[in-house]
Amino acid sequence: MKKFYIVRHGETEYNRIGMVQGSGIDAPLNPTGEQQSESFYQAFKHIKFDKIYVSNLIRTEQSVRKFIDSDIPYEALADLREISWGVQEGVAFTPETSTAYQQTTKRWAAGDLDARIEEGETPAEVALRQQRAFEYILEKPDAEEQTILICIHGRAIRILLCWMLNHPLSMMDNFPHKNLGLYIVNHAGNQYSVEVFNETGHL
C-alpha cells in the first residue's frame, strides 16, 4: 500500500488579492503562504516521508521546502501542474472580468466537460496528465516509496480526487481545498481511498 499526503500550495499574492492563477503564472508564496508552510512542517515533520513530488511551479516546491531541506528526495513533475485557465489567468475574480471563468466552471458542474476557457485546458485533459504522473509514481517499489508527500494546486486536487475515487469530473467541486490543507489518500491494489479529508487543524 502507498499512502499519499496531498496538500495544496501555500498562499500567493494572486490568492490574496483574488486573481486567477493557473499553470501560466509561476507566482511565489507570500508571507502568509510561508507561514502556512511552516505550520504544516511543524505539524507533520515527524512523518517519515520516502519521497516528495511537486509540480513544476515554484509555489509547490516552496510550500514543502523544509521537508526537502531535511534530505527527503523530491521530484518536480510537469504533469502535476495546475489547470491552465488560458486567457483568464491574471484576471481578477469580479463579475465584470471573470465571466468566462464562472460560466465555464458552471458548465463543468453541469456535465459539459468539453468546455474550456480560450487557450485553457479541460478537466479531462488535466486528469489524463495526472494519471500519467501517478502511473510513474506507482511504478516505484513500495519498499522505496511508500509514504509520499505531494504538493499541487487547488483545481488540480479537485480533479485528482474525482478520478481517484471513480467520481465523474462534474463532481469536482465536492472536494474543497485550502492553502496547505491536507488530504490523505491510500492506494492498495487498484483502488484509492480517502483517509483524511481537507484537514486544516494544523493551520
N, C-alpha and C. Protein backbone atom coordinates (compact mmCIF):
# COMPACT_ATOMS: atom_id res chain seq x y z
N MET A 1 0.84 -1.20 0.00
CA MET A 1 0.00 0.00 0.00
C MET A 1 0.87 1.25 0.00
N LYS A 2 0.47 2.25 -0.76
CA LYS A 2 1.11 3.55 -0.71
C LYS A 2 0.17 4.54 -0.02
N LYS A 3 0.76 5.43 0.75
CA LYS A 3 -0.01 6.46 1.44
C LYS A 3 0.45 7.81 0.90
N PHE A 4 -0.51 8.58 0.37
CA PHE A 4 -0.22 9.89 -0.19
C PHE A 4 -0.74 10.99 0.72
N TYR A 5 0.13 11.88 1.13
CA TYR A 5 -0.24 13.11 1.82
C TYR A 5 -0.29 14.20 0.75
N ILE A 6 -1.48 14.65 0.41
CA ILE A 6 -1.68 15.57 -0.72
C ILE A 6 -2.10 16.93 -0.20
N VAL A 7 -1.29 17.94 -0.47
CA VAL A 7 -1.59 19.29 0.01
C VAL A 7 -1.61 20.27 -1.15
N ARG A 8 -2.40 21.31 -0.96
CA ARG A 8 -2.35 22.46 -1.86
C ARG A 8 -1.20 23.37 -1.41
N HIS A 9 -0.62 24.09 -2.34
CA HIS A 9 0.45 25.03 -2.02
C HIS A 9 -0.06 26.14 -1.08
N GLY A 10 0.88 26.86 -0.50
CA GLY A 10 0.55 27.99 0.37
C GLY A 10 0.08 29.20 -0.43
N GLU A 11 -0.37 30.20 0.30
CA GLU A 11 -0.95 31.39 -0.33
C GLU A 11 0.10 32.18 -1.13
N THR A 12 -0.34 32.68 -2.29
CA THR A 12 0.44 33.62 -3.09
C THR A 12 -0.29 34.96 -3.10
N GLU A 13 0.35 35.97 -3.64
CA GLU A 13 -0.33 37.26 -3.74
C GLU A 13 -1.53 37.18 -4.66
N TYR A 14 -1.47 36.34 -5.68
CA TYR A 14 -2.63 36.15 -6.56
C TYR A 14 -3.81 35.60 -5.77
N ASN A 15 -3.55 34.64 -4.87
CA ASN A 15 -4.61 34.14 -4.00
C ASN A 15 -5.15 35.24 -3.11
N ARG A 16 -4.25 36.00 -2.52
CA ARG A 16 -4.66 37.00 -1.54
C ARG A 16 -5.55 38.08 -2.14
N ILE A 17 -5.20 38.55 -3.33
CA ILE A 17 -5.96 39.66 -3.92
C ILE A 17 -7.08 39.17 -4.83
N GLY A 18 -7.23 37.83 -4.97
CA GLY A 18 -8.36 37.30 -5.72
C GLY A 18 -8.19 37.39 -7.22
N MET A 19 -7.10 36.82 -7.72
CA MET A 19 -6.86 36.78 -9.16
C MET A 19 -6.67 35.35 -9.61
N VAL A 20 -7.14 35.05 -10.82
CA VAL A 20 -6.99 33.72 -11.39
C VAL A 20 -5.49 33.45 -11.61
N GLN A 21 -5.04 32.27 -11.19
CA GLN A 21 -3.62 31.97 -11.27
C GLN A 21 -3.33 30.94 -12.35
N GLY A 22 -3.64 29.68 -12.12
CA GLY A 22 -3.46 28.67 -13.15
C GLY A 22 -2.02 28.27 -13.37
N SER A 23 -1.78 27.54 -14.46
CA SER A 23 -0.45 26.99 -14.72
C SER A 23 0.47 27.97 -15.41
N GLY A 24 -0.09 29.06 -15.94
CA GLY A 24 0.73 30.01 -16.69
C GLY A 24 1.36 31.09 -15.83
N ILE A 25 1.05 31.13 -14.55
CA ILE A 25 1.60 32.14 -13.65
C ILE A 25 2.40 31.43 -12.56
N ASP A 26 3.69 31.67 -12.56
CA ASP A 26 4.60 30.98 -11.63
C ASP A 26 4.89 31.88 -10.43
N ALA A 27 3.85 32.11 -9.63
CA ALA A 27 3.95 33.05 -8.52
C ALA A 27 4.54 32.36 -7.28
N PRO A 28 5.40 33.06 -6.54
CA PRO A 28 5.95 32.52 -5.30
C PRO A 28 4.97 32.69 -4.14
N LEU A 29 5.28 32.07 -3.02
CA LEU A 29 4.49 32.26 -1.82
C LEU A 29 4.64 33.69 -1.30
N ASN A 30 3.57 34.20 -0.69
CA ASN A 30 3.68 35.48 0.02
C ASN A 30 3.97 35.17 1.51
N PRO A 31 4.11 36.17 2.38
CA PRO A 31 4.44 35.88 3.78
C PRO A 31 3.42 34.96 4.47
N THR A 32 2.14 35.10 4.15
CA THR A 32 1.15 34.19 4.74
C THR A 32 1.39 32.77 4.27
N GLY A 33 1.69 32.60 2.99
CA GLY A 33 2.00 31.27 2.46
C GLY A 33 3.21 30.66 3.12
N GLU A 34 4.21 31.47 3.38
CA GLU A 34 5.40 30.97 4.07
C GLU A 34 5.06 30.53 5.49
N GLN A 35 4.18 31.27 6.15
CA GLN A 35 3.75 30.89 7.50
C GLN A 35 2.95 29.59 7.47
N GLN A 36 2.09 29.44 6.47
CA GLN A 36 1.32 28.20 6.32
C GLN A 36 2.26 27.01 6.10
N SER A 37 3.27 27.23 5.27
CA SER A 37 4.26 26.19 5.01
C SER A 37 4.96 25.77 6.30
N GLU A 38 5.33 26.75 7.12
CA GLU A 38 5.98 26.45 8.39
C GLU A 38 5.05 25.68 9.32
N SER A 39 3.78 26.08 9.37
CA SER A 39 2.81 25.39 10.24
C SER A 39 2.62 23.95 9.81
N PHE A 40 2.55 23.73 8.51
CA PHE A 40 2.41 22.36 8.02
C PHE A 40 3.65 21.54 8.36
N TYR A 41 4.81 22.13 8.19
CA TYR A 41 6.05 21.41 8.51
C TYR A 41 6.10 21.02 9.98
N GLN A 42 5.78 21.95 10.85
CA GLN A 42 5.83 21.67 12.28
C GLN A 42 4.86 20.56 12.68
N ALA A 43 3.71 20.52 12.00
CA ALA A 43 2.70 19.52 12.35
C ALA A 43 3.02 18.13 11.82
N PHE A 44 3.79 18.05 10.71
CA PHE A 44 3.98 16.75 10.05
C PHE A 44 5.45 16.37 9.86
N LYS A 45 6.36 17.09 10.50
CA LYS A 45 7.78 16.76 10.34
C LYS A 45 8.13 15.41 10.94
N HIS A 46 7.25 14.87 11.79
CA HIS A 46 7.51 13.56 12.38
C HIS A 46 7.21 12.41 11.41
N ILE A 47 6.50 12.70 10.33
CA ILE A 47 6.18 11.66 9.36
C ILE A 47 7.43 11.33 8.54
N LYS A 48 7.71 10.07 8.37
CA LYS A 48 8.90 9.65 7.61
C LYS A 48 8.54 9.49 6.14
N PHE A 49 8.53 10.61 5.44
CA PHE A 49 8.23 10.57 4.01
C PHE A 49 9.41 9.96 3.25
N ASP A 50 9.07 9.08 2.32
CA ASP A 50 10.10 8.46 1.48
C ASP A 50 10.43 9.31 0.27
N LYS A 51 9.45 10.09 -0.20
CA LYS A 51 9.65 10.87 -1.42
C LYS A 51 8.66 12.02 -1.43
N ILE A 52 9.04 13.10 -2.08
CA ILE A 52 8.17 14.26 -2.26
C ILE A 52 8.02 14.50 -3.76
N TYR A 53 6.79 14.74 -4.19
CA TYR A 53 6.53 15.15 -5.57
C TYR A 53 5.84 16.50 -5.55
N VAL A 54 6.27 17.38 -6.42
CA VAL A 54 5.66 18.70 -6.58
C VAL A 54 5.40 18.94 -8.06
N SER A 55 4.66 19.99 -8.37
CA SER A 55 4.51 20.38 -9.77
C SER A 55 5.75 21.17 -10.19
N ASN A 56 5.74 21.63 -11.42
CA ASN A 56 6.88 22.42 -11.89
C ASN A 56 6.66 23.91 -11.70
N LEU A 57 5.78 24.28 -10.76
CA LEU A 57 5.54 25.68 -10.42
C LEU A 57 6.12 25.94 -9.03
N ILE A 58 6.82 27.04 -8.87
CA ILE A 58 7.65 27.30 -7.70
C ILE A 58 6.86 27.28 -6.39
N ARG A 59 5.60 27.66 -6.43
CA ARG A 59 4.83 27.75 -5.18
C ARG A 59 4.65 26.39 -4.51
N THR A 60 4.69 25.31 -5.29
CA THR A 60 4.56 23.99 -4.66
C THR A 60 5.87 23.58 -3.99
N GLU A 61 6.98 23.79 -4.66
CA GLU A 61 8.27 23.46 -4.05
C GLU A 61 8.51 24.28 -2.79
N GLN A 62 8.21 25.57 -2.84
CA GLN A 62 8.41 26.43 -1.67
C GLN A 62 7.57 25.96 -0.49
N SER A 63 6.39 25.43 -0.76
CA SER A 63 5.47 25.03 0.31
C SER A 63 5.99 23.85 1.12
N VAL A 64 6.83 23.03 0.52
CA VAL A 64 7.37 21.85 1.22
C VAL A 64 8.90 21.92 1.31
N ARG A 65 9.46 23.12 1.19
CA ARG A 65 10.91 23.29 1.15
C ARG A 65 11.60 22.75 2.39
N LYS A 66 11.00 22.92 3.57
CA LYS A 66 11.66 22.44 4.80
C LYS A 66 11.77 20.91 4.81
N PHE A 67 10.78 20.23 4.24
CA PHE A 67 10.89 18.77 4.12
C PHE A 67 12.01 18.40 3.15
N ILE A 68 12.08 19.12 2.04
CA ILE A 68 13.14 18.87 1.06
C ILE A 68 14.50 19.12 1.68
N ASP A 69 14.60 20.18 2.46
CA ASP A 69 15.88 20.53 3.09
C ASP A 69 16.30 19.54 4.16
N SER A 70 15.37 18.69 4.60
CA SER A 70 15.72 17.65 5.57
C SER A 70 16.16 16.36 4.89
N ASP A 71 16.55 16.51 3.61
CA ASP A 71 17.15 15.42 2.83
C ASP A 71 16.16 14.36 2.38
N ILE A 72 14.90 14.73 2.24
CA ILE A 72 13.93 13.83 1.62
C ILE A 72 14.02 14.02 0.11
N PRO A 73 14.20 12.95 -0.67
CA PRO A 73 14.28 13.09 -2.12
C PRO A 73 13.00 13.70 -2.67
N TYR A 74 13.14 14.54 -3.70
CA TYR A 74 11.95 15.12 -4.30
C TYR A 74 12.11 15.20 -5.81
N GLU A 75 10.97 15.34 -6.46
CA GLU A 75 10.95 15.40 -7.92
C GLU A 75 9.81 16.32 -8.35
N ALA A 76 10.07 17.16 -9.33
CA ALA A 76 9.05 18.04 -9.89
C ALA A 76 8.52 17.41 -11.18
N LEU A 77 7.21 17.23 -11.25
CA LEU A 77 6.57 16.64 -12.42
C LEU A 77 5.66 17.67 -13.07
N ALA A 78 5.93 17.99 -14.32
CA ALA A 78 5.10 18.97 -15.04
C ALA A 78 3.65 18.52 -15.13
N ASP A 79 3.41 17.21 -15.15
CA ASP A 79 2.04 16.71 -15.27
C ASP A 79 1.21 16.97 -14.02
N LEU A 80 1.84 17.42 -12.93
CA LEU A 80 1.10 17.74 -11.70
C LEU A 80 0.77 19.23 -11.58
N ARG A 81 1.08 20.00 -12.62
CA ARG A 81 0.83 21.45 -12.55
C ARG A 81 -0.68 21.73 -12.53
N GLU A 82 -1.00 22.96 -12.19
CA GLU A 82 -2.40 23.40 -12.14
C GLU A 82 -3.03 23.39 -13.54
N ILE A 83 -4.35 23.38 -13.57
CA ILE A 83 -5.06 23.52 -14.84
C ILE A 83 -4.70 24.86 -15.48
N SER A 84 -4.67 24.88 -16.79
CA SER A 84 -4.49 26.15 -17.48
C SER A 84 -5.84 26.85 -17.61
N TRP A 85 -5.89 28.07 -17.12
CA TRP A 85 -7.10 28.89 -17.26
C TRP A 85 -7.03 29.80 -18.49
N GLY A 86 -6.06 29.57 -19.35
CA GLY A 86 -6.00 30.29 -20.60
C GLY A 86 -5.98 31.80 -20.44
N VAL A 87 -6.84 32.46 -21.20
CA VAL A 87 -6.85 33.93 -21.22
C VAL A 87 -7.35 34.53 -19.91
N GLN A 88 -7.88 33.71 -19.01
CA GLN A 88 -8.36 34.22 -17.73
C GLN A 88 -7.26 34.33 -16.68
N GLU A 89 -6.09 33.79 -16.95
CA GLU A 89 -5.01 33.86 -15.97
C GLU A 89 -4.56 35.30 -15.78
N GLY A 90 -4.41 35.68 -14.52
CA GLY A 90 -4.04 37.04 -14.19
C GLY A 90 -5.21 38.01 -14.15
N VAL A 91 -6.43 37.48 -14.27
CA VAL A 91 -7.64 38.31 -14.27
C VAL A 91 -8.28 38.25 -12.88
N ALA A 92 -8.80 39.36 -12.43
CA ALA A 92 -9.42 39.41 -11.10
C ALA A 92 -10.75 38.66 -11.08
N PHE A 93 -11.06 38.06 -9.92
CA PHE A 93 -12.35 37.41 -9.73
C PHE A 93 -13.42 38.47 -9.45
N THR A 94 -13.94 39.09 -10.48
CA THR A 94 -15.04 40.04 -10.32
C THR A 94 -16.11 39.70 -11.34
N PRO A 95 -17.36 40.09 -11.08
CA PRO A 95 -18.43 39.80 -12.06
C PRO A 95 -18.13 40.37 -13.44
N GLU A 96 -17.39 41.46 -13.48
CA GLU A 96 -17.12 42.11 -14.76
C GLU A 96 -16.00 41.42 -15.54
N THR A 97 -15.01 40.88 -14.83
CA THR A 97 -13.83 40.36 -15.52
C THR A 97 -13.74 38.85 -15.61
N SER A 98 -14.40 38.12 -14.71
CA SER A 98 -14.24 36.66 -14.68
C SER A 98 -15.48 35.92 -15.17
N THR A 99 -16.25 36.56 -16.03
CA THR A 99 -17.47 35.92 -16.54
C THR A 99 -17.17 34.59 -17.20
N ALA A 100 -16.14 34.54 -18.05
CA ALA A 100 -15.80 33.29 -18.77
C ALA A 100 -15.41 32.20 -17.78
N TYR A 101 -14.68 32.57 -16.74
CA TYR A 101 -14.28 31.62 -15.71
C TYR A 101 -15.52 31.04 -15.02
N GLN A 102 -16.41 31.92 -14.57
CA GLN A 102 -17.60 31.47 -13.85
C GLN A 102 -18.50 30.61 -14.73
N GLN A 103 -18.67 31.02 -15.96
CA GLN A 103 -19.53 30.26 -16.88
C GLN A 103 -18.95 28.88 -17.17
N THR A 104 -17.64 28.82 -17.33
CA THR A 104 -17.01 27.54 -17.65
C THR A 104 -17.09 26.57 -16.49
N THR A 105 -16.84 27.02 -15.27
CA THR A 105 -16.92 26.12 -14.12
C THR A 105 -18.36 25.65 -13.88
N LYS A 106 -19.33 26.50 -14.18
CA LYS A 106 -20.73 26.07 -14.09
C LYS A 106 -21.05 25.01 -15.12
N ARG A 107 -20.51 25.14 -16.32
CA ARG A 107 -20.73 24.13 -17.36
C ARG A 107 -20.10 22.80 -16.95
N TRP A 108 -18.94 22.84 -16.34
CA TRP A 108 -18.32 21.61 -15.86
C TRP A 108 -19.20 20.93 -14.83
N ALA A 109 -19.73 21.71 -13.89
CA ALA A 109 -20.59 21.14 -12.84
C ALA A 109 -21.86 20.54 -13.42
N ALA A 110 -22.29 21.07 -14.57
CA ALA A 110 -23.49 20.56 -15.23
C ALA A 110 -23.18 19.37 -16.13
N GLY A 111 -21.92 19.00 -16.22
CA GLY A 111 -21.55 17.82 -17.00
C GLY A 111 -20.94 18.10 -18.36
N ASP A 112 -20.81 19.37 -18.72
CA ASP A 112 -20.20 19.72 -20.00
C ASP A 112 -18.69 19.81 -19.81
N LEU A 113 -18.03 18.65 -19.84
CA LEU A 113 -16.61 18.59 -19.52
C LEU A 113 -15.71 18.88 -20.72
N ASP A 114 -16.32 19.16 -21.88
CA ASP A 114 -15.54 19.58 -23.04
C ASP A 114 -15.38 21.09 -23.08
N ALA A 115 -16.09 21.77 -22.18
CA ALA A 115 -16.00 23.24 -22.14
C ALA A 115 -14.60 23.65 -21.69
N ARG A 116 -14.11 24.72 -22.27
CA ARG A 116 -12.80 25.23 -21.88
C ARG A 116 -12.77 26.73 -22.07
N ILE A 117 -11.99 27.40 -21.26
CA ILE A 117 -11.69 28.81 -21.48
C ILE A 117 -10.73 28.91 -22.65
N GLU A 118 -10.85 29.95 -23.42
CA GLU A 118 -9.96 30.13 -24.57
C GLU A 118 -8.49 29.95 -24.16
N GLU A 119 -7.80 29.08 -24.88
CA GLU A 119 -6.39 28.76 -24.66
C GLU A 119 -6.16 27.96 -23.38
N GLY A 120 -7.23 27.52 -22.73
CA GLY A 120 -7.09 26.76 -21.50
C GLY A 120 -7.30 25.27 -21.69
N GLU A 121 -7.30 24.53 -20.56
CA GLU A 121 -7.47 23.08 -20.58
C GLU A 121 -8.86 22.68 -20.12
N THR A 122 -9.27 21.49 -20.49
CA THR A 122 -10.48 20.89 -19.95
C THR A 122 -10.10 20.02 -18.75
N PRO A 123 -11.06 19.71 -17.87
CA PRO A 123 -10.75 18.82 -16.75
C PRO A 123 -10.26 17.45 -17.21
N ALA A 124 -10.80 16.95 -18.31
CA ALA A 124 -10.37 15.64 -18.80
C ALA A 124 -8.91 15.65 -19.22
N GLU A 125 -8.47 16.75 -19.81
CA GLU A 125 -7.07 16.85 -20.21
C GLU A 125 -6.15 16.87 -18.98
N VAL A 126 -6.59 17.56 -17.94
CA VAL A 126 -5.80 17.58 -16.70
C VAL A 126 -5.76 16.18 -16.09
N ALA A 127 -6.91 15.51 -16.04
CA ALA A 127 -6.97 14.17 -15.47
C ALA A 127 -6.04 13.21 -16.20
N LEU A 128 -5.96 13.32 -17.51
CA LEU A 128 -5.10 12.42 -18.28
C LEU A 128 -3.64 12.61 -17.93
N ARG A 129 -3.21 13.86 -17.79
CA ARG A 129 -1.80 14.04 -17.45
C ARG A 129 -1.51 13.67 -15.99
N GLN A 130 -2.50 13.88 -15.11
CA GLN A 130 -2.33 13.44 -13.72
C GLN A 130 -2.20 11.92 -13.65
N GLN A 131 -3.02 11.23 -14.41
CA GLN A 131 -2.96 9.77 -14.42
C GLN A 131 -1.60 9.29 -14.93
N ARG A 132 -1.07 10.00 -15.90
CA ARG A 132 0.26 9.67 -16.40
C ARG A 132 1.30 9.85 -15.29
N ALA A 133 1.18 10.93 -14.52
CA ALA A 133 2.10 11.17 -13.41
C ALA A 133 1.99 10.07 -12.36
N PHE A 134 0.77 9.67 -12.04
CA PHE A 134 0.60 8.65 -11.00
C PHE A 134 0.99 7.27 -11.47
N GLU A 135 0.88 6.99 -12.75
CA GLU A 135 1.41 5.74 -13.26
C GLU A 135 2.92 5.68 -13.01
N TYR A 136 3.57 6.80 -13.24
CA TYR A 136 5.01 6.90 -13.00
C TYR A 136 5.33 6.70 -11.51
N ILE A 137 4.56 7.36 -10.65
CA ILE A 137 4.80 7.25 -9.20
C ILE A 137 4.53 5.83 -8.70
N LEU A 138 3.46 5.21 -9.19
CA LEU A 138 3.08 3.88 -8.71
C LEU A 138 4.02 2.79 -9.19
N GLU A 139 4.82 3.10 -10.20
CA GLU A 139 5.81 2.13 -10.66
C GLU A 139 6.94 1.95 -9.65
N LYS A 140 7.12 2.92 -8.77
CA LYS A 140 8.19 2.84 -7.78
C LYS A 140 7.85 1.78 -6.74
N PRO A 141 8.78 0.90 -6.40
CA PRO A 141 8.50 -0.15 -5.41
C PRO A 141 8.11 0.44 -4.06
N ASP A 142 7.16 -0.21 -3.39
CA ASP A 142 6.73 0.26 -2.08
C ASP A 142 7.90 0.31 -1.09
N ALA A 143 8.85 -0.57 -1.27
CA ALA A 143 9.99 -0.59 -0.36
C ALA A 143 10.80 0.70 -0.45
N GLU A 144 10.70 1.38 -1.60
CA GLU A 144 11.44 2.63 -1.79
C GLU A 144 10.57 3.86 -1.55
N GLU A 145 9.34 3.79 -2.00
CA GLU A 145 8.43 4.94 -1.90
C GLU A 145 7.06 4.45 -1.44
N GLN A 146 6.86 4.45 -0.14
CA GLN A 146 5.57 4.01 0.41
C GLN A 146 4.77 5.17 0.99
N THR A 147 5.43 6.06 1.69
CA THR A 147 4.78 7.23 2.28
C THR A 147 5.25 8.46 1.52
N ILE A 148 4.32 9.11 0.82
CA ILE A 148 4.69 10.10 -0.19
C ILE A 148 3.95 11.42 0.08
N LEU A 149 4.69 12.50 0.04
CA LEU A 149 4.12 13.85 0.16
C LEU A 149 4.01 14.46 -1.23
N ILE A 150 2.82 14.95 -1.56
CA ILE A 150 2.59 15.57 -2.86
C ILE A 150 2.01 16.95 -2.64
N CYS A 151 2.63 17.95 -3.23
CA CYS A 151 2.12 19.32 -3.15
C CYS A 151 1.75 19.80 -4.54
N ILE A 152 0.47 20.10 -4.72
CA ILE A 152 -0.01 20.55 -6.03
C ILE A 152 -0.91 21.77 -5.86
N HIS A 153 -2.04 21.80 -6.57
CA HIS A 153 -2.83 23.01 -6.72
C HIS A 153 -4.31 22.73 -6.47
N GLY A 154 -5.08 23.81 -6.28
CA GLY A 154 -6.48 23.68 -5.87
C GLY A 154 -7.36 22.93 -6.85
N ARG A 155 -7.48 23.44 -8.06
CA ARG A 155 -8.33 22.77 -9.05
C ARG A 155 -7.77 21.41 -9.39
N ALA A 156 -6.45 21.31 -9.39
CA ALA A 156 -5.81 20.01 -9.67
C ALA A 156 -6.21 18.98 -8.62
N ILE A 157 -6.30 19.38 -7.36
CA ILE A 157 -6.71 18.45 -6.30
C ILE A 157 -8.15 18.00 -6.53
N ARG A 158 -9.03 18.92 -6.88
CA ARG A 158 -10.43 18.56 -7.14
C ARG A 158 -10.52 17.50 -8.24
N ILE A 159 -9.80 17.71 -9.32
CA ILE A 159 -9.83 16.78 -10.44
C ILE A 159 -9.20 15.45 -10.05
N LEU A 160 -8.07 15.52 -9.35
CA LEU A 160 -7.36 14.32 -8.91
C LEU A 160 -8.25 13.40 -8.08
N LEU A 161 -8.94 13.96 -7.11
CA LEU A 161 -9.75 13.13 -6.22
C LEU A 161 -10.94 12.53 -6.94
N CYS A 162 -11.47 13.23 -7.93
CA CYS A 162 -12.58 12.66 -8.71
C CYS A 162 -12.17 11.37 -9.39
N TRP A 163 -11.08 11.42 -10.17
CA TRP A 163 -10.75 10.19 -10.89
C TRP A 163 -10.19 9.11 -9.97
N MET A 164 -9.52 9.52 -8.89
CA MET A 164 -9.03 8.51 -7.94
C MET A 164 -10.19 7.70 -7.35
N LEU A 165 -11.30 8.40 -7.04
CA LEU A 165 -12.43 7.76 -6.37
C LEU A 165 -13.53 7.33 -7.33
N ASN A 166 -13.22 7.39 -8.63
CA ASN A 166 -14.18 6.97 -9.67
C ASN A 166 -15.45 7.80 -9.66
N HIS A 167 -15.33 9.07 -9.33
CA HIS A 167 -16.45 10.00 -9.43
C HIS A 167 -16.38 10.75 -10.76
N PRO A 168 -17.51 11.12 -11.31
CA PRO A 168 -17.46 11.94 -12.53
C PRO A 168 -16.77 13.27 -12.24
N LEU A 169 -16.05 13.79 -13.21
CA LEU A 169 -15.34 15.04 -13.02
C LEU A 169 -16.28 16.21 -12.74
N SER A 170 -17.54 16.06 -13.09
CA SER A 170 -18.53 17.10 -12.80
C SER A 170 -18.72 17.30 -11.30
N MET A 171 -18.25 16.34 -10.48
CA MET A 171 -18.40 16.42 -9.03
C MET A 171 -17.19 17.05 -8.35
N MET A 172 -16.28 17.64 -9.13
CA MET A 172 -15.02 18.11 -8.55
C MET A 172 -15.21 19.16 -7.45
N ASP A 173 -16.27 19.95 -7.53
CA ASP A 173 -16.46 20.99 -6.52
C ASP A 173 -16.90 20.43 -5.18
N ASN A 174 -17.14 19.11 -5.11
CA ASN A 174 -17.44 18.47 -3.83
C ASN A 174 -16.19 18.30 -2.97
N PHE A 175 -15.03 18.58 -3.54
CA PHE A 175 -13.77 18.43 -2.81
C PHE A 175 -13.18 19.81 -2.54
N PRO A 176 -13.41 20.35 -1.35
CA PRO A 176 -12.89 21.68 -1.01
C PRO A 176 -11.38 21.63 -0.83
N HIS A 177 -10.77 22.79 -0.86
CA HIS A 177 -9.33 22.86 -0.63
C HIS A 177 -9.00 24.22 -0.02
N LYS A 178 -7.96 24.22 0.79
CA LYS A 178 -7.42 25.47 1.35
C LYS A 178 -5.91 25.42 1.21
N ASN A 179 -5.29 26.57 1.28
CA ASN A 179 -3.83 26.60 1.17
C ASN A 179 -3.21 25.78 2.30
N LEU A 180 -2.43 24.80 1.94
CA LEU A 180 -1.80 23.84 2.84
C LEU A 180 -2.80 22.96 3.59
N GLY A 181 -4.02 22.88 3.05
CA GLY A 181 -4.97 21.89 3.53
C GLY A 181 -4.55 20.51 3.07
N LEU A 182 -4.86 19.49 3.86
CA LEU A 182 -4.33 18.14 3.64
C LEU A 182 -5.42 17.11 3.36
N TYR A 183 -5.19 16.32 2.33
CA TYR A 183 -5.91 15.06 2.10
C TYR A 183 -4.92 13.92 2.26
N ILE A 184 -5.32 12.86 2.92
CA ILE A 184 -4.51 11.64 2.95
C ILE A 184 -5.26 10.57 2.17
N VAL A 185 -4.60 10.03 1.17
CA VAL A 185 -5.21 9.05 0.27
C VAL A 185 -4.36 7.78 0.27
N ASN A 186 -5.01 6.65 0.47
CA ASN A 186 -4.32 5.36 0.44
C ASN A 186 -4.55 4.68 -0.91
N HIS A 187 -3.54 4.00 -1.40
CA HIS A 187 -3.66 3.22 -2.63
C HIS A 187 -3.28 1.78 -2.32
N ALA A 188 -4.20 0.87 -2.57
CA ALA A 188 -3.95 -0.55 -2.38
C ALA A 188 -4.60 -1.31 -3.53
N GLY A 189 -3.85 -2.23 -4.13
CA GLY A 189 -4.36 -2.90 -5.31
C GLY A 189 -4.55 -1.89 -6.42
N ASN A 190 -5.77 -1.78 -6.91
CA ASN A 190 -6.09 -0.79 -7.94
C ASN A 190 -7.04 0.27 -7.43
N GLN A 191 -7.15 0.41 -6.11
CA GLN A 191 -8.13 1.32 -5.55
C GLN A 191 -7.49 2.38 -4.65
N TYR A 192 -8.12 3.56 -4.69
CA TYR A 192 -7.75 4.65 -3.81
C TYR A 192 -8.87 4.86 -2.78
N SER A 193 -8.50 5.26 -1.58
CA SER A 193 -9.49 5.60 -0.56
C SER A 193 -8.99 6.80 0.23
N VAL A 194 -9.92 7.68 0.61
CA VAL A 194 -9.54 8.88 1.35
C VAL A 194 -9.59 8.58 2.85
N GLU A 195 -8.48 8.81 3.52
CA GLU A 195 -8.39 8.62 4.96
C GLU A 195 -8.63 9.93 5.72
N VAL A 196 -8.12 11.03 5.19
CA VAL A 196 -8.27 12.36 5.80
C VAL A 196 -8.77 13.33 4.73
N PHE A 197 -9.80 14.09 5.06
CA PHE A 197 -10.49 14.95 4.09
C PHE A 197 -10.25 16.42 4.42
N ASN A 198 -9.41 17.07 3.64
CA ASN A 198 -9.18 18.52 3.74
C ASN A 198 -8.93 18.96 5.19
N GLU A 199 -7.97 18.35 5.83
CA GLU A 199 -7.62 18.70 7.21
C GLU A 199 -6.88 20.04 7.25
N THR A 200 -7.35 20.95 8.12
CA THR A 200 -6.71 22.25 8.23
C THR A 200 -6.37 22.62 9.68
N GLY A 201 -6.55 21.67 10.61
CA GLY A 201 -6.31 21.97 12.01
C GLY A 201 -4.89 22.43 12.30
N HIS A 202 -3.93 21.99 11.50
CA HIS A 202 -2.53 22.37 11.70
C HIS A 202 -2.29 23.83 11.37
N LEU A 203 -3.24 24.48 10.69
CA LEU A 203 -3.07 25.87 10.29
C LEU A 203 -3.63 26.83 11.34
